[in-house]
Amino acid sequence: MRKILPFVILFLVALLAWDMLDNSNFVVDVDGDEFGGPLGALLGMVFGSIGLIIGVVVAVCVAALLAVVFAGVGVIVIGALALAAVLALLAVSPLLLPILIPVAIVWFFMSRSRRNRMRAEPAV
């Protein structure tokens, strides 16, 4: 398969080049008027390019709009999550009081022993 792949790609490129050079059967219909031959090919490429440019501009505008909308929604969602976390903490804090009292006592004794140790060490 790997030995055939370059030949297949070369064949497809040759077909594409042949199609681009042989555009005698190309016909463009504009408001009932048919333009054929090289002029039809030129008009088809120009109108196709204009359509492509319009499509790119529309896609960029939609992308910018979606970026602004999703950024705004993201800020609102993060704010709502922060508010929910604060409300949950306020709702649960009275229930955590029996756990926090022993933690505060241990913290107090550890800070007191650390303070006494700092006084006992000589200054260098």
N, C-alpha and C. Protein backbone atom coordinates (compact mmCIF):
# COMPACT_ATOMS: atom_id res chain seq x y z
N MET A 1 0.83 -1.20 0.00
CA MET A 1 0.00 0.00 0.00
C MET A 1 0.87 1.26 0.00
N ARG A 2 1.98 1.23 0.73
CA ARG A 2 2.82 2.42 0.81
C ARG A 2 3.52 2.72 -0.50
N LYS A 3 3.77 1.69 -1.30
CA LYS A 3 4.43 1.91 -2.59
C LYS A 3 3.46 2.44 -3.64
N ILE A 4 2.19 2.14 -3.48
CA ILE A 4 1.19 2.58 -4.45
C ILE A 4 0.70 3.99 -4.13
N LEU A 5 0.73 4.40 -2.87
CA LEU A 5 0.17 5.67 -2.44
C LEU A 5 0.75 6.87 -3.19
N PRO A 6 2.07 7.00 -3.39
CA PRO A 6 2.57 8.17 -4.15
C PRO A 6 2.04 8.21 -5.58
N PHE A 7 1.89 7.04 -6.21
CA PHE A 7 1.37 7.02 -7.58
C PHE A 7 -0.10 7.42 -7.62
N VAL A 8 -0.87 7.01 -6.63
CA VAL A 8 -2.28 7.39 -6.57
C VAL A 8 -2.40 8.90 -6.37
N ILE A 9 -1.58 9.45 -5.48
CA ILE A 9 -1.63 10.90 -5.24
C ILE A 9 -1.21 11.65 -6.50
N LEU A 10 -0.16 11.19 -7.19
CA LEU A 10 0.28 11.83 -8.43
C LEU A 10 -0.81 11.75 -9.50
N PHE A 11 -1.50 10.62 -9.59
CA PHE A 11 -2.58 10.46 -10.55
C PHE A 11 -3.72 11.44 -10.25
N LEU A 12 -4.08 11.59 -8.97
CA LEU A 12 -5.15 12.52 -8.60
C LEU A 12 -4.77 13.97 -8.89
N VAL A 13 -3.51 14.32 -8.65
CA VAL A 13 -3.04 15.68 -8.96
C VAL A 13 -3.08 15.91 -10.47
N ALA A 14 -2.70 14.91 -11.25
CA ALA A 14 -2.75 15.04 -12.71
C ALA A 14 -4.19 15.21 -13.18
N LEU A 15 -5.12 14.46 -12.60
CA LEU A 15 -6.54 14.63 -12.96
C LEU A 15 -7.04 16.02 -12.61
N LEU A 16 -6.62 16.54 -11.46
CA LEU A 16 -7.03 17.88 -11.05
C LEU A 16 -6.48 18.93 -12.00
N ALA A 17 -5.20 18.80 -12.38
CA ALA A 17 -4.60 19.75 -13.32
C ALA A 17 -5.29 19.67 -14.69
N TRP A 18 -5.59 18.47 -15.14
CA TRP A 18 -6.26 18.29 -16.43
C TRP A 18 -7.64 18.94 -16.40
N ASP A 19 -8.36 18.80 -15.28
CA ASP A 19 -9.68 19.40 -15.15
C ASP A 19 -9.59 20.92 -15.12
N MET A 20 -8.54 21.46 -14.51
CA MET A 20 -8.40 22.92 -14.45
C MET A 20 -8.05 23.49 -15.82
N LEU A 21 -7.26 22.77 -16.61
CA LEU A 21 -6.87 23.27 -17.93
C LEU A 21 -7.97 23.08 -18.96
N ASP A 22 -8.77 22.07 -18.83
CA ASP A 22 -9.83 21.77 -19.80
C ASP A 22 -11.17 22.19 -19.23
N ASN A 23 -11.48 23.49 -19.33
CA ASN A 23 -12.73 23.98 -18.76
C ASN A 23 -13.70 24.41 -19.86
N SER A 24 -13.63 23.79 -21.02
CA SER A 24 -14.47 24.22 -22.14
C SER A 24 -15.95 23.90 -21.92
N ASN A 25 -16.26 22.93 -21.08
CA ASN A 25 -17.65 22.56 -20.85
C ASN A 25 -18.25 23.27 -19.63
N PHE A 26 -17.55 24.26 -19.09
CA PHE A 26 -18.00 24.95 -17.89
C PHE A 26 -19.01 26.01 -18.31
N VAL A 27 -20.19 25.97 -17.70
CA VAL A 27 -21.24 26.94 -18.01
C VAL A 27 -21.76 27.51 -16.70
N VAL A 28 -21.87 28.86 -16.66
CA VAL A 28 -22.41 29.55 -15.49
C VAL A 28 -23.71 30.20 -15.91
N ASP A 29 -24.75 30.02 -15.11
CA ASP A 29 -26.06 30.58 -15.40
C ASP A 29 -26.29 31.75 -14.45
N VAL A 30 -26.35 32.97 -15.02
CA VAL A 30 -26.59 34.17 -14.21
C VAL A 30 -27.88 34.81 -14.72
N ASP A 31 -28.93 34.73 -13.95
CA ASP A 31 -30.24 35.31 -14.29
C ASP A 31 -30.74 34.85 -15.66
N GLY A 32 -30.56 33.59 -15.96
CA GLY A 32 -31.05 33.06 -17.22
C GLY A 32 -30.05 33.16 -18.36
N ASP A 33 -29.02 33.97 -18.22
CA ASP A 33 -27.98 34.07 -19.25
C ASP A 33 -26.91 33.04 -18.96
N GLU A 34 -26.54 32.28 -19.98
CA GLU A 34 -25.52 31.25 -19.81
C GLU A 34 -24.19 31.77 -20.35
N PHE A 35 -23.17 31.68 -19.52
CA PHE A 35 -21.82 32.06 -19.91
C PHE A 35 -20.99 30.79 -19.92
N GLY A 36 -20.41 30.48 -21.08
CA GLY A 36 -19.62 29.25 -21.20
C GLY A 36 -18.19 29.56 -21.57
N GLY A 37 -17.39 28.51 -21.58
CA GLY A 37 -15.98 28.64 -21.97
C GLY A 37 -15.15 29.29 -20.89
N PRO A 38 -14.10 29.99 -21.31
CA PRO A 38 -13.20 30.62 -20.32
C PRO A 38 -13.89 31.70 -19.50
N LEU A 39 -14.81 32.45 -20.13
CA LEU A 39 -15.52 33.49 -19.37
C LEU A 39 -16.40 32.86 -18.30
N GLY A 40 -17.03 31.75 -18.62
CA GLY A 40 -17.85 31.05 -17.63
C GLY A 40 -17.01 30.52 -16.48
N ALA A 41 -15.82 30.00 -16.82
CA ALA A 41 -14.92 29.51 -15.77
C ALA A 41 -14.46 30.67 -14.88
N LEU A 42 -14.15 31.81 -15.51
CA LEU A 42 -13.71 32.98 -14.75
C LEU A 42 -14.82 33.48 -13.84
N LEU A 43 -16.03 33.58 -14.38
CA LEU A 43 -17.15 34.04 -13.56
C LEU A 43 -17.44 33.05 -12.43
N GLY A 44 -17.37 31.77 -12.72
CA GLY A 44 -17.61 30.77 -11.68
C GLY A 44 -16.59 30.86 -10.56
N MET A 45 -15.32 31.07 -10.94
CA MET A 45 -14.28 31.18 -9.89
C MET A 45 -14.44 32.47 -9.10
N VAL A 46 -14.81 33.57 -9.78
CA VAL A 46 -14.99 34.85 -9.07
C VAL A 46 -16.17 34.75 -8.11
N PHE A 47 -17.31 34.26 -8.59
CA PHE A 47 -18.48 34.15 -7.71
C PHE A 47 -18.25 33.15 -6.59
N GLY A 48 -17.56 32.07 -6.90
CA GLY A 48 -17.22 31.09 -5.86
C GLY A 48 -16.31 31.69 -4.80
N SER A 49 -15.34 32.50 -5.25
CA SER A 49 -14.42 33.15 -4.30
C SER A 49 -15.16 34.16 -3.43
N ILE A 50 -16.07 34.91 -4.05
CA ILE A 50 -16.84 35.88 -3.27
C ILE A 50 -17.70 35.16 -2.24
N GLY A 51 -18.31 34.06 -2.63
CA GLY A 51 -19.11 33.27 -1.68
C GLY A 51 -18.25 32.72 -0.56
N LEU A 52 -17.03 32.28 -0.90
CA LEU A 52 -16.12 31.77 0.13
C LEU A 52 -15.70 32.87 1.09
N ILE A 53 -15.43 34.06 0.57
CA ILE A 53 -15.04 35.19 1.43
C ILE A 53 -16.20 35.56 2.36
N ILE A 54 -17.41 35.61 1.82
CA ILE A 54 -18.57 35.92 2.66
C ILE A 54 -18.74 34.86 3.74
N GLY A 55 -18.57 33.59 3.38
CA GLY A 55 -18.67 32.51 4.36
C GLY A 55 -17.63 32.63 5.46
N VAL A 56 -16.39 32.99 5.10
CA VAL A 56 -15.34 33.15 6.11
C VAL A 56 -15.65 34.31 7.04
N VAL A 57 -16.12 35.44 6.48
CA VAL A 57 -16.46 36.60 7.32
C VAL A 57 -17.59 36.25 8.28
N VAL A 58 -18.60 35.55 7.79
CA VAL A 58 -19.72 35.16 8.66
C VAL A 58 -19.24 34.21 9.74
N ALA A 59 -18.38 33.25 9.39
CA ALA A 59 -17.87 32.30 10.39
C ALA A 59 -17.05 33.01 11.46
N VAL A 60 -16.24 34.00 11.06
CA VAL A 60 -15.44 34.75 12.04
C VAL A 60 -16.35 35.56 12.96
N CYS A 61 -17.38 36.19 12.40
CA CYS A 61 -18.31 36.97 13.24
C CYS A 61 -19.07 36.06 14.21
N VAL A 62 -19.50 34.91 13.74
CA VAL A 62 -20.20 33.97 14.62
C VAL A 62 -19.26 33.47 15.71
N ALA A 63 -18.00 33.20 15.35
CA ALA A 63 -17.04 32.73 16.35
C ALA A 63 -16.79 33.80 17.41
N ALA A 64 -16.67 35.06 16.99
CA ALA A 64 -16.47 36.14 17.96
C ALA A 64 -17.69 36.28 18.87
N LEU A 65 -18.88 36.21 18.28
CA LEU A 65 -20.10 36.31 19.09
C LEU A 65 -20.20 35.16 20.09
N LEU A 66 -19.90 33.95 19.64
CA LEU A 66 -19.96 32.80 20.54
C LEU A 66 -18.91 32.90 21.64
N ALA A 67 -17.73 33.43 21.30
CA ALA A 67 -16.69 33.59 22.33
C ALA A 67 -17.15 34.56 23.41
N VAL A 68 -17.78 35.67 22.98
CA VAL A 68 -18.27 36.65 23.97
C VAL A 68 -19.41 36.05 24.79
N VAL A 69 -20.33 35.36 24.13
CA VAL A 69 -21.47 34.78 24.85
C VAL A 69 -21.00 33.71 25.83
N PHE A 70 -20.13 32.80 25.36
CA PHE A 70 -19.68 31.73 26.24
C PHE A 70 -18.80 32.26 27.36
N ALA A 71 -18.03 33.33 27.10
CA ALA A 71 -17.23 33.92 28.18
C ALA A 71 -18.15 34.53 29.23
N GLY A 72 -19.20 35.21 28.78
CA GLY A 72 -20.15 35.78 29.73
C GLY A 72 -20.87 34.70 30.51
N VAL A 73 -21.26 33.64 29.83
CA VAL A 73 -21.92 32.53 30.51
C VAL A 73 -20.96 31.87 31.49
N GLY A 74 -19.69 31.76 31.10
CA GLY A 74 -18.68 31.17 32.00
C GLY A 74 -18.51 31.98 33.26
N VAL A 75 -18.48 33.31 33.12
CA VAL A 75 -18.35 34.17 34.31
C VAL A 75 -19.57 34.01 35.20
N ILE A 76 -20.74 33.95 34.61
CA ILE A 76 -21.96 33.77 35.40
C ILE A 76 -21.96 32.42 36.10
N VAL A 77 -21.52 31.37 35.39
CA VAL A 77 -21.49 30.03 35.99
C VAL A 77 -20.49 29.98 37.14
N ILE A 78 -19.32 30.58 36.96
CA ILE A 78 -18.31 30.58 38.03
C ILE A 78 -18.83 31.37 39.23
N GLY A 79 -19.48 32.51 38.98
CA GLY A 79 -20.06 33.27 40.08
C GLY A 79 -21.15 32.50 40.81
N ALA A 80 -21.97 31.79 40.05
CA ALA A 80 -23.03 30.98 40.68
C ALA A 80 -22.43 29.84 41.49
N LEU A 81 -21.37 29.21 40.98
CA LEU A 81 -20.72 28.14 41.75
C LEU A 81 -20.08 28.68 43.03
N ALA A 82 -19.47 29.86 42.95
CA ALA A 82 -18.88 30.46 44.15
C ALA A 82 -19.97 30.79 45.18
N LEU A 83 -21.08 31.34 44.71
CA LEU A 83 -22.18 31.64 45.61
C LEU A 83 -22.75 30.37 46.23
N ALA A 84 -22.88 29.32 45.44
CA ALA A 84 -23.38 28.04 45.96
C ALA A 84 -22.41 27.46 46.99
N ALA A 85 -21.11 27.61 46.76
CA ALA A 85 -20.13 27.10 47.72
C ALA A 85 -20.21 27.87 49.03
N VAL A 86 -20.37 29.19 48.95
CA VAL A 86 -20.49 30.00 50.18
C VAL A 86 -21.77 29.64 50.92
N LEU A 87 -22.87 29.48 50.19
CA LEU A 87 -24.12 29.11 50.85
C LEU A 87 -24.04 27.72 51.47
N ALA A 88 -23.38 26.78 50.79
CA ALA A 88 -23.21 25.44 51.35
C ALA A 88 -22.33 25.49 52.59
N LEU A 89 -21.29 26.31 52.57
CA LEU A 89 -20.42 26.44 53.74
C LEU A 89 -21.18 27.06 54.91
N LEU A 90 -22.01 28.06 54.62
CA LEU A 90 -22.80 28.67 55.69
C LEU A 90 -23.83 27.68 56.25
N ALA A 91 -24.38 26.84 55.40
CA ALA A 91 -25.38 25.87 55.86
C ALA A 91 -24.74 24.75 56.67
N VAL A 92 -23.51 24.38 56.34
CA VAL A 92 -22.86 23.24 56.99
C VAL A 92 -22.04 23.67 58.20
N SER A 93 -21.69 24.95 58.30
CA SER A 93 -20.79 25.39 59.38
C SER A 93 -21.32 25.09 60.79
N PRO A 94 -22.61 25.24 61.10
CA PRO A 94 -23.04 24.86 62.45
C PRO A 94 -22.87 23.37 62.72
N LEU A 95 -22.98 22.56 61.68
CA LEU A 95 -22.81 21.12 61.86
C LEU A 95 -21.35 20.75 62.05
N LEU A 96 -20.44 21.58 61.57
CA LEU A 96 -19.01 21.31 61.70
C LEU A 96 -18.44 21.81 63.03
N LEU A 97 -19.23 22.51 63.81
CA LEU A 97 -18.73 23.07 65.07
C LEU A 97 -18.18 22.01 66.01
N PRO A 98 -18.79 20.84 66.19
CA PRO A 98 -18.19 19.83 67.07
C PRO A 98 -16.84 19.34 66.57
N ILE A 99 -16.60 19.40 65.27
CA ILE A 99 -15.29 19.00 64.75
C ILE A 99 -14.29 20.13 64.89
N LEU A 100 -14.75 21.37 64.73
CA LEU A 100 -13.83 22.50 64.75
C LEU A 100 -13.33 22.82 66.16
N ILE A 101 -14.09 22.52 67.19
CA ILE A 101 -13.64 22.82 68.56
C ILE A 101 -12.38 22.03 68.91
N PRO A 102 -12.32 20.70 68.73
CA PRO A 102 -11.07 19.99 69.02
C PRO A 102 -9.91 20.44 68.12
N VAL A 103 -10.21 20.75 66.87
CA VAL A 103 -9.15 21.23 65.97
C VAL A 103 -8.59 22.55 66.47
N ALA A 104 -9.45 23.45 66.94
CA ALA A 104 -8.98 24.73 67.48
C ALA A 104 -8.15 24.53 68.74
N ILE A 105 -8.55 23.59 69.60
CA ILE A 105 -7.78 23.34 70.83
C ILE A 105 -6.39 22.80 70.48
N VAL A 106 -6.32 21.83 69.57
CA VAL A 106 -5.02 21.28 69.15
C VAL A 106 -4.17 22.37 68.51
N TRP A 107 -4.78 23.21 67.70
CA TRP A 107 -4.04 24.28 67.04
C TRP A 107 -3.49 25.26 68.09
N PHE A 108 -4.29 25.58 69.09
CA PHE A 108 -3.84 26.49 70.15
C PHE A 108 -2.63 25.91 70.89
N PHE A 109 -2.70 24.62 71.28
CA PHE A 109 -1.58 24.02 72.02
C PHE A 109 -0.33 23.92 71.15
N MET A 110 -0.49 23.63 69.89
CA MET A 110 0.68 23.54 69.01
C MET A 110 1.33 24.91 68.82
N SER A 111 0.53 25.95 68.64
CA SER A 111 1.11 27.28 68.47
C SER A 111 1.76 27.75 69.77
N ARG A 112 1.18 27.37 70.92
CA ARG A 112 1.77 27.74 72.21
C ARG A 112 3.11 27.05 72.41
N SER A 113 3.18 25.74 72.06
CA SER A 113 4.46 25.04 72.22
C SER A 113 5.48 25.58 71.23
N ARG A 114 5.06 25.96 70.05
CA ARG A 114 5.99 26.52 69.07
C ARG A 114 6.50 27.88 69.56
N ARG A 115 5.62 28.66 70.17
CA ARG A 115 6.03 29.97 70.69
C ARG A 115 7.04 29.79 71.82
N ASN A 116 6.79 28.83 72.71
CA ASN A 116 7.73 28.57 73.82
C ASN A 116 9.07 28.07 73.28
N ARG A 117 9.03 27.25 72.26
CA ARG A 117 10.27 26.74 71.66
C ARG A 117 11.06 27.88 71.02
N MET A 118 10.38 28.82 70.39
CA MET A 118 11.06 29.96 69.75
C MET A 118 11.73 30.83 70.80
N ARG A 119 11.11 30.98 71.97
CA ARG A 119 11.72 31.78 73.05
C ARG A 119 12.92 31.07 73.64
N ALA A 120 12.86 29.75 73.72
CA ALA A 120 13.93 28.99 74.36
C ALA A 120 15.18 28.91 73.47
N GLU A 121 15.03 28.98 72.16
CA GLU A 121 16.20 28.89 71.29
C GLU A 121 17.00 30.18 71.37
N PRO A 122 18.31 30.04 71.47
CA PRO A 122 19.14 31.25 71.52
C PRO A 122 19.22 31.89 70.13
N ALA A 123 19.34 33.17 70.13
CA ALA A 123 19.45 33.90 68.87
C ALA A 123 20.85 33.72 68.30
N VAL A 124 20.96 33.47 67.05
CA VAL A 124 22.27 33.24 66.43
C VAL A 124 22.68 34.45 65.64
